[in-house]
Structure formats: C-alpha cells, structure tokens
C-alpha cells in the first residue's frame, strides 16, 4: 500500500519509528516532513499528507503530533479526507469499519511506539464494512461540497 506520513516536531521521533515498520510490512512510504525535532507548525505538513491522499498519490496517510488532535483537524479540512484521531486499537478498527477513514492521526506524547505500531497495523488491515455506513459517508461528502 502507498502510505504518506507527516509530523510536526513532537511527532517526528514516532514517525521515524513507524517508517521502517511500515516498509518492513511491504508498504511504499513517502515522508512529507518535518525532518527534525526543531519546532514547526503542523498544518502545512498535515495538509501535504492529506492532499496526497485526496489526489490519489497515496492510498492512506498517517499524521503525527504531540496530541494528534490539531493534526486531525487540519487534515479534515481537505476535501475527500476522513481523518481519525486514534489512540487505541478499538477506535482504529471502528474508524475504518464505519467511517472508511483514509488518514490516521496519533499523538506521540500519548501513544507509545509499540502501541502505535499495533494501531497502525489494525487500521491498515481493517476493511470498510459498507452497508448502512455508505449513506453516512455520502452525507459527509455532501457537507464538504456545501450541499448540507
């Protein structure tokens, strides 16, 4: 799977841990920044990852910050992106099954690397259930288009 990753300075160490983990699982990983722990503003990096997913350059995105909350908000501003903040496996699974999320956000100050790897593995392997959830995803898209 083609995966784009991004982080701010707080998420940088976790991103550096996840890149070889993802590559080891056979994924094609693109890193859109940042490249150090020097303080930066996260929105530009989250937007870069979100746009890559929305354009189809990547199938999924993973964004990391201190809490993951701002990162998730920034990514969700991009049309076609459904980003979820997941700090446990249960939320990661549900975000895929019910919401067909295409961007995962996590807080590096909240989630330890081993748990982050487990969350990522579950999120990447969980299939969208479709069915009763499809109209809800379509309504979310209608909101993005300004129709609701």
N, C-alpha and C. Protein backbone atom coordinates (compact mmCIF):
# COMPACT_ATOMS: atom_id res chain seq x y z
N UNK A 1 0.85 -1.17 0.00
CA UNK A 1 0.00 0.00 0.00
C UNK A 1 0.90 1.24 0.00
N UNK A 2 0.47 2.27 -0.72
CA UNK A 2 1.19 3.56 -0.74
C UNK A 2 0.70 4.39 0.44
N UNK A 3 1.61 4.73 1.33
CA UNK A 3 1.27 5.46 2.54
C UNK A 3 2.12 6.72 2.62
N UNK A 4 1.48 7.85 2.89
CA UNK A 4 2.19 9.10 3.11
C UNK A 4 2.20 9.36 4.61
N UNK A 5 3.34 9.80 5.13
CA UNK A 5 3.46 10.12 6.55
C UNK A 5 3.91 11.56 6.70
N UNK A 6 3.44 12.17 7.80
CA UNK A 6 3.82 13.55 8.11
C UNK A 6 3.78 13.73 9.62
N UNK A 7 4.54 14.71 10.08
CA UNK A 7 4.54 15.01 11.51
C UNK A 7 5.00 16.44 11.73
N UNK A 8 4.75 16.89 12.95
CA UNK A 8 5.42 18.10 13.41
C UNK A 8 6.64 17.64 14.21
N UNK A 9 7.27 18.56 14.91
CA UNK A 9 8.47 18.24 15.69
C UNK A 9 8.19 17.22 16.80
N UNK A 10 7.02 17.32 17.43
CA UNK A 10 6.69 16.40 18.52
C UNK A 10 6.44 14.99 18.01
N UNK A 11 5.90 14.87 16.81
CA UNK A 11 5.62 13.56 16.23
C UNK A 11 6.79 12.97 15.47
N UNK A 12 7.83 13.77 15.25
CA UNK A 12 8.96 13.32 14.43
C UNK A 12 9.59 12.01 14.91
N UNK A 13 9.91 11.85 16.20
CA UNK A 13 10.53 10.58 16.62
C UNK A 13 9.63 9.36 16.35
N UNK A 14 8.34 9.49 16.58
CA UNK A 14 7.43 8.37 16.31
C UNK A 14 7.34 8.10 14.81
N UNK A 15 7.34 9.15 14.01
CA UNK A 15 7.33 8.97 12.55
C UNK A 15 8.56 8.19 12.11
N UNK A 16 9.71 8.52 12.67
CA UNK A 16 10.94 7.83 12.31
C UNK A 16 10.92 6.36 12.73
N UNK A 17 10.17 6.05 13.78
CA UNK A 17 9.98 4.66 14.20
C UNK A 17 9.03 3.93 13.26
N UNK A 18 7.97 4.60 12.84
CA UNK A 18 6.94 3.96 12.02
C UNK A 18 7.37 3.75 10.57
N UNK A 19 8.23 4.59 10.04
CA UNK A 19 8.63 4.42 8.63
C UNK A 19 9.27 3.05 8.36
N UNK A 20 10.27 2.62 9.11
CA UNK A 20 10.82 1.28 8.84
C UNK A 20 9.84 0.16 9.18
N UNK A 21 8.99 0.39 10.16
CA UNK A 21 7.96 -0.58 10.50
C UNK A 21 7.03 -0.79 9.30
N UNK A 22 6.58 0.30 8.70
CA UNK A 22 5.69 0.22 7.53
C UNK A 22 6.41 -0.41 6.33
N UNK A 23 7.62 0.03 6.08
CA UNK A 23 8.39 -0.54 4.97
C UNK A 23 8.62 -2.03 5.17
N UNK A 24 8.86 -2.43 6.40
CA UNK A 24 9.06 -3.83 6.72
C UNK A 24 7.84 -4.68 6.46
N UNK A 25 6.67 -4.06 6.53
CA UNK A 25 5.41 -4.75 6.22
C UNK A 25 5.09 -4.68 4.73
N UNK A 26 6.01 -4.12 3.93
CA UNK A 26 5.85 -4.11 2.48
C UNK A 26 5.17 -2.88 1.91
N UNK A 27 4.98 -1.86 2.72
CA UNK A 27 4.32 -0.64 2.25
C UNK A 27 5.34 0.31 1.61
N UNK A 28 4.86 1.08 0.65
CA UNK A 28 5.65 2.13 0.00
C UNK A 28 5.39 3.42 0.77
N UNK A 29 6.38 3.94 1.46
CA UNK A 29 6.21 5.07 2.37
C UNK A 29 6.83 6.33 1.79
N UNK A 30 6.03 7.41 1.78
CA UNK A 30 6.51 8.74 1.38
C UNK A 30 6.41 9.65 2.59
N UNK A 31 7.48 10.33 2.92
CA UNK A 31 7.55 11.24 4.05
C UNK A 31 7.50 12.67 3.53
N UNK A 32 6.49 13.44 3.96
CA UNK A 32 6.35 14.83 3.52
C UNK A 32 6.73 15.83 4.63
N UNK A 33 7.47 15.35 5.62
CA UNK A 33 8.01 16.25 6.63
C UNK A 33 7.29 16.16 7.96
N UNK A 34 7.85 16.81 8.87
CA UNK A 34 9.07 17.55 9.01
C UNK A 34 10.25 16.60 9.14
N UNK A 35 11.45 17.17 9.16
CA UNK A 35 12.64 16.32 9.14
C UNK A 35 13.51 16.44 10.38
N UNK A 36 12.94 16.98 11.47
CA UNK A 36 13.72 17.10 12.71
C UNK A 36 12.77 17.43 13.87
N UNK A 37 13.37 17.57 15.05
CA UNK A 37 12.61 17.97 16.23
C UNK A 37 12.64 19.48 16.46
N UNK A 38 13.10 20.23 15.47
CA UNK A 38 13.07 21.69 15.56
C UNK A 38 11.60 22.12 15.43
N UNK A 39 11.11 22.97 16.35
CA UNK A 39 9.69 23.33 16.34
C UNK A 39 9.21 23.91 15.00
N UNK A 40 8.08 23.38 14.56
CA UNK A 40 7.42 23.81 13.32
C UNK A 40 5.91 23.83 13.56
N UNK A 41 5.19 24.46 12.67
CA UNK A 41 3.73 24.44 12.71
C UNK A 41 3.25 23.23 11.91
N UNK A 42 2.36 22.45 12.50
CA UNK A 42 1.92 21.19 11.90
C UNK A 42 0.98 21.32 10.70
N UNK A 43 0.15 22.38 10.57
CA UNK A 43 -0.85 22.36 9.49
C UNK A 43 -0.28 22.14 8.09
N UNK A 44 0.87 22.72 7.78
CA UNK A 44 1.38 22.57 6.42
C UNK A 44 1.78 21.13 6.11
N UNK A 45 2.29 20.44 7.10
CA UNK A 45 2.69 19.04 6.89
C UNK A 45 1.47 18.12 6.80
N UNK A 46 0.48 18.39 7.65
CA UNK A 46 -0.76 17.60 7.61
C UNK A 46 -1.50 17.83 6.30
N UNK A 47 -1.50 19.07 5.84
CA UNK A 47 -2.15 19.37 4.56
C UNK A 47 -1.44 18.67 3.42
N UNK A 48 -0.12 18.62 3.45
CA UNK A 48 0.62 17.94 2.39
C UNK A 48 0.25 16.46 2.34
N UNK A 49 0.18 15.83 3.50
CA UNK A 49 -0.21 14.42 3.54
C UNK A 49 -1.65 14.23 3.09
N UNK A 50 -2.53 15.07 3.57
CA UNK A 50 -3.96 14.96 3.22
C UNK A 50 -4.18 15.17 1.73
N UNK A 51 -3.51 16.15 1.15
CA UNK A 51 -3.64 16.38 -0.29
C UNK A 51 -3.11 15.19 -1.09
N UNK A 52 -2.03 14.56 -0.62
CA UNK A 52 -1.50 13.38 -1.31
C UNK A 52 -2.54 12.26 -1.33
N UNK A 53 -3.25 12.09 -0.23
CA UNK A 53 -4.31 11.08 -0.18
C UNK A 53 -5.47 11.48 -1.08
N UNK A 54 -5.90 12.72 -1.00
CA UNK A 54 -7.04 13.19 -1.79
C UNK A 54 -6.76 13.10 -3.29
N UNK A 55 -5.53 13.35 -3.69
CA UNK A 55 -5.14 13.27 -5.11
C UNK A 55 -4.97 11.84 -5.60
N UNK A 56 -4.84 10.91 -4.67
CA UNK A 56 -4.60 9.53 -5.05
C UNK A 56 -3.13 9.17 -5.15
N UNK A 57 -2.25 10.09 -4.74
CA UNK A 57 -0.82 9.79 -4.74
C UNK A 57 -0.48 8.76 -3.67
N UNK A 58 -1.31 8.69 -2.64
CA UNK A 58 -1.18 7.70 -1.56
C UNK A 58 -2.57 7.16 -1.26
N UNK A 59 -2.61 5.90 -0.87
CA UNK A 59 -3.90 5.30 -0.52
C UNK A 59 -4.33 5.67 0.89
N UNK A 60 -3.35 5.84 1.77
CA UNK A 60 -3.62 6.21 3.15
C UNK A 60 -2.56 7.18 3.65
N UNK A 61 -2.90 7.91 4.71
CA UNK A 61 -1.96 8.82 5.32
C UNK A 61 -1.91 8.61 6.82
N UNK A 62 -0.75 8.85 7.39
CA UNK A 62 -0.56 8.80 8.84
C UNK A 62 0.11 10.10 9.25
N UNK A 63 -0.54 10.82 10.17
CA UNK A 63 -0.04 12.10 10.62
C UNK A 63 0.16 12.05 12.14
N UNK A 64 1.24 12.69 12.59
CA UNK A 64 1.64 12.57 13.99
C UNK A 64 2.00 13.93 14.56
N UNK A 65 1.56 14.15 15.78
CA UNK A 65 1.92 15.36 16.50
C UNK A 65 2.03 15.04 17.97
N UNK A 66 2.00 16.06 18.81
CA UNK A 66 2.05 15.83 20.25
C UNK A 66 0.81 15.12 20.73
N UNK A 67 -0.36 15.68 20.40
CA UNK A 67 -1.63 15.05 20.78
C UNK A 67 -2.32 14.37 19.61
N UNK A 68 -2.05 14.83 18.40
CA UNK A 68 -2.73 14.32 17.21
C UNK A 68 -4.02 15.05 16.90
N UNK A 69 -4.52 15.82 17.84
CA UNK A 69 -5.82 16.47 17.67
C UNK A 69 -5.79 17.56 16.60
N UNK A 70 -4.85 18.49 16.72
CA UNK A 70 -4.75 19.55 15.72
C UNK A 70 -4.43 18.99 14.35
N UNK A 71 -3.60 17.97 14.32
CA UNK A 71 -3.23 17.34 13.07
C UNK A 71 -4.46 16.76 12.37
N UNK A 72 -5.30 16.09 13.13
CA UNK A 72 -6.52 15.51 12.59
C UNK A 72 -7.45 16.61 12.07
N UNK A 73 -7.58 17.68 12.81
CA UNK A 73 -8.43 18.79 12.38
C UNK A 73 -7.92 19.37 11.07
N UNK A 74 -6.61 19.61 10.98
CA UNK A 74 -6.03 20.17 9.76
C UNK A 74 -6.28 19.26 8.56
N UNK A 75 -6.03 17.98 8.72
CA UNK A 75 -6.22 17.03 7.61
C UNK A 75 -7.67 16.99 7.16
N UNK A 76 -8.59 17.09 8.09
CA UNK A 76 -10.01 17.01 7.74
C UNK A 76 -10.52 18.23 6.98
N UNK A 77 -9.72 19.25 6.85
CA UNK A 77 -10.10 20.42 6.05
C UNK A 77 -9.94 20.16 4.56
N UNK A 78 -9.25 19.08 4.20
CA UNK A 78 -9.01 18.75 2.80
C UNK A 78 -10.17 17.89 2.29
N UNK A 79 -10.79 18.36 1.22
CA UNK A 79 -11.92 17.64 0.62
C UNK A 79 -11.51 16.22 0.25
N UNK A 80 -12.32 15.26 0.69
CA UNK A 80 -12.06 13.86 0.38
C UNK A 80 -11.28 13.12 1.45
N UNK A 81 -10.86 13.83 2.47
CA UNK A 81 -10.10 13.20 3.56
C UNK A 81 -11.03 12.96 4.74
N UNK A 82 -10.92 11.77 5.29
CA UNK A 82 -11.63 11.42 6.51
C UNK A 82 -10.56 10.94 7.50
N UNK A 83 -10.11 11.89 8.32
CA UNK A 83 -9.04 11.61 9.28
C UNK A 83 -9.63 11.29 10.64
N UNK A 84 -9.03 10.31 11.31
CA UNK A 84 -9.48 9.92 12.64
C UNK A 84 -8.31 9.97 13.62
N UNK A 85 -8.58 10.51 14.79
CA UNK A 85 -7.63 10.51 15.88
C UNK A 85 -7.83 9.21 16.66
N UNK A 86 -6.85 8.36 16.66
CA UNK A 86 -6.98 7.04 17.29
C UNK A 86 -5.81 6.79 18.23
N UNK A 87 -6.14 6.66 19.50
CA UNK A 87 -5.11 6.36 20.49
C UNK A 87 -5.26 4.95 21.05
N UNK A 88 -6.14 4.16 20.43
CA UNK A 88 -6.25 2.75 20.80
C UNK A 88 -6.70 1.95 19.59
N UNK A 89 -6.55 0.66 19.69
CA UNK A 89 -6.86 -0.25 18.58
C UNK A 89 -8.35 -0.26 18.26
N UNK A 90 -9.18 -0.19 19.28
CA UNK A 90 -10.63 -0.22 19.07
C UNK A 90 -11.09 0.93 18.18
N UNK A 91 -10.64 2.14 18.48
CA UNK A 91 -11.02 3.30 17.66
C UNK A 91 -10.46 3.19 16.25
N UNK A 92 -9.24 2.67 16.13
CA UNK A 92 -8.65 2.49 14.80
C UNK A 92 -9.51 1.55 13.96
N UNK A 93 -9.93 0.44 14.56
CA UNK A 93 -10.75 -0.53 13.84
C UNK A 93 -12.11 0.10 13.45
N UNK A 94 -12.76 0.74 14.40
CA UNK A 94 -14.07 1.34 14.11
C UNK A 94 -13.98 2.46 13.08
N UNK A 95 -12.90 3.23 13.12
CA UNK A 95 -12.76 4.33 12.16
C UNK A 95 -12.71 3.81 10.73
N UNK A 96 -12.14 2.63 10.55
CA UNK A 96 -12.10 2.02 9.22
C UNK A 96 -13.41 1.32 8.89
N UNK A 97 -13.94 0.53 9.82
CA UNK A 97 -15.15 -0.24 9.55
C UNK A 97 -16.34 0.66 9.27
N UNK A 98 -16.51 1.72 10.05
CA UNK A 98 -17.71 2.55 9.97
C UNK A 98 -17.53 3.84 9.19
N UNK A 99 -16.32 4.38 9.16
CA UNK A 99 -16.11 5.70 8.56
C UNK A 99 -15.20 5.69 7.35
N UNK A 100 -14.66 4.55 7.00
CA UNK A 100 -13.77 4.43 5.85
C UNK A 100 -12.68 5.51 5.89
N UNK A 101 -12.06 5.68 7.06
CA UNK A 101 -11.04 6.72 7.19
C UNK A 101 -9.85 6.42 6.30
N UNK A 102 -9.27 7.49 5.79
CA UNK A 102 -8.10 7.34 4.92
C UNK A 102 -6.86 8.03 5.48
N UNK A 103 -7.01 8.71 6.62
CA UNK A 103 -5.88 9.31 7.31
C UNK A 103 -6.01 8.98 8.80
N UNK A 104 -4.91 8.52 9.37
CA UNK A 104 -4.84 8.18 10.79
C UNK A 104 -3.98 9.23 11.48
N UNK A 105 -4.49 9.78 12.57
CA UNK A 105 -3.75 10.73 13.37
C UNK A 105 -3.50 10.13 14.75
N UNK A 106 -2.28 10.33 15.25
CA UNK A 106 -1.94 9.86 16.59
C UNK A 106 -1.07 10.89 17.29
N UNK A 107 -1.14 10.89 18.61
CA UNK A 107 -0.32 11.77 19.43
C UNK A 107 0.89 11.03 19.97
N UNK A 108 2.06 11.49 19.59
CA UNK A 108 3.30 10.85 20.02
C UNK A 108 3.56 11.02 21.51
N UNK A 109 2.92 12.02 22.12
CA UNK A 109 3.07 12.21 23.57
C UNK A 109 2.05 11.37 24.34
N UNK A 110 1.21 10.65 23.62
CA UNK A 110 0.14 9.86 24.23
C UNK A 110 0.32 8.37 23.97
N UNK A 111 0.76 8.03 22.76
CA UNK A 111 0.84 6.63 22.33
C UNK A 111 2.30 6.20 22.25
N UNK A 112 2.64 5.14 22.96
CA UNK A 112 3.99 4.57 22.90
C UNK A 112 4.22 3.93 21.54
N UNK A 113 5.47 3.87 21.09
CA UNK A 113 5.75 3.31 19.77
C UNK A 113 5.19 1.90 19.53
N UNK A 114 5.28 1.01 20.50
CA UNK A 114 4.76 -0.35 20.28
C UNK A 114 3.25 -0.35 20.10
N UNK A 115 2.55 0.48 20.87
CA UNK A 115 1.10 0.59 20.69
C UNK A 115 0.79 1.26 19.35
N UNK A 116 1.55 2.27 18.98
CA UNK A 116 1.35 2.94 17.70
C UNK A 116 1.46 1.94 16.55
N UNK A 117 2.44 1.05 16.61
CA UNK A 117 2.59 0.04 15.57
C UNK A 117 1.37 -0.87 15.50
N UNK A 118 0.84 -1.26 16.66
CA UNK A 118 -0.35 -2.10 16.69
C UNK A 118 -1.56 -1.37 16.13
N UNK A 119 -1.72 -0.10 16.50
CA UNK A 119 -2.82 0.71 15.98
C UNK A 119 -2.71 0.81 14.46
N UNK A 120 -1.54 1.10 13.96
CA UNK A 120 -1.33 1.24 12.52
C UNK A 120 -1.64 -0.07 11.81
N UNK A 121 -1.16 -1.17 12.33
CA UNK A 121 -1.39 -2.47 11.69
C UNK A 121 -2.89 -2.78 11.60
N UNK A 122 -3.61 -2.54 12.69
CA UNK A 122 -5.06 -2.79 12.69
C UNK A 122 -5.76 -1.83 11.73
N UNK A 123 -5.39 -0.56 11.77
CA UNK A 123 -6.02 0.45 10.90
C UNK A 123 -5.81 0.12 9.43
N UNK A 124 -4.60 -0.30 9.09
CA UNK A 124 -4.31 -0.61 7.69
C UNK A 124 -5.00 -1.90 7.21
N UNK A 125 -5.23 -2.83 8.10
CA UNK A 125 -5.79 -4.12 7.69
C UNK A 125 -7.30 -4.21 7.81
N UNK A 126 -7.92 -3.23 8.44
CA UNK A 126 -9.37 -3.28 8.63
C UNK A 126 -10.09 -2.77 7.39
N UNK A 127 -11.09 -3.51 6.97
CA UNK A 127 -11.86 -3.20 5.76
C UNK A 127 -13.12 -2.41 6.13
N UNK A 128 -13.46 -1.44 5.31
CA UNK A 128 -14.71 -0.69 5.45
C UNK A 128 -15.89 -1.65 5.26
N UNK A 129 -16.85 -1.62 6.18
CA UNK A 129 -17.99 -2.53 6.14
C UNK A 129 -19.01 -2.18 5.06
N UNK A 130 -19.05 -0.92 4.64
CA UNK A 130 -20.06 -0.52 3.66
C UNK A 130 -21.45 -0.57 4.27
N UNK A 131 -22.42 -1.05 3.51
CA UNK A 131 -23.78 -1.21 4.02
C UNK A 131 -24.37 0.06 4.57
N UNK A 132 -24.85 -0.01 5.79
CA UNK A 132 -25.54 1.13 6.42
C UNK A 132 -24.64 2.35 6.59
N UNK A 133 -23.33 2.15 6.47
CA UNK A 133 -22.39 3.25 6.65
C UNK A 133 -22.21 4.08 5.38
N UNK A 134 -22.52 3.53 4.23
CA UNK A 134 -22.32 4.23 2.96
C UNK A 134 -23.10 5.54 2.90
N UNK A 135 -24.41 5.56 3.24
CA UNK A 135 -25.12 6.84 3.18
C UNK A 135 -24.51 7.90 4.10
N UNK A 136 -23.96 7.48 5.20
CA UNK A 136 -23.34 8.44 6.13
C UNK A 136 -22.07 9.04 5.53
N UNK A 137 -21.28 8.21 4.86
CA UNK A 137 -20.08 8.71 4.18
C UNK A 137 -20.48 9.66 3.06
N UNK A 138 -21.55 9.32 2.35
CA UNK A 138 -22.05 10.20 1.28
C UNK A 138 -22.54 11.53 1.84
N UNK A 139 -23.15 11.52 3.03
CA UNK A 139 -23.59 12.76 3.66
C UNK A 139 -22.40 13.62 4.08
N UNK A 140 -21.34 12.99 4.55
CA UNK A 140 -20.13 13.73 4.89
C UNK A 140 -19.57 14.40 3.64
N UNK A 141 -19.55 13.67 2.52
CA UNK A 141 -19.07 14.25 1.25
C UNK A 141 -19.97 15.40 0.82
N UNK A 142 -21.27 15.29 1.06
CA UNK A 142 -22.20 16.38 0.72
C UNK A 142 -21.90 17.63 1.56
N UNK A 143 -21.54 17.43 2.80
CA UNK A 143 -21.14 18.57 3.63
C UNK A 143 -19.92 19.25 3.04
N UNK A 144 -18.93 18.45 2.61
CA UNK A 144 -17.71 19.01 2.00
C UNK A 144 -18.05 19.83 0.76
N UNK A 145 -19.04 19.39 0.01
CA UNK A 145 -19.44 20.10 -1.21
C UNK A 145 -20.37 21.28 -0.93
N UNK A 146 -20.71 21.49 0.33
CA UNK A 146 -21.58 22.59 0.70
C UNK A 146 -23.05 22.33 0.44
N UNK A 147 -23.43 21.08 0.28
CA UNK A 147 -24.81 20.73 -0.01
C UNK A 147 -25.65 20.49 1.25
N UNK A 148 -25.02 20.29 2.37
CA UNK A 148 -25.74 20.09 3.65
C UNK A 148 -25.28 21.12 4.65
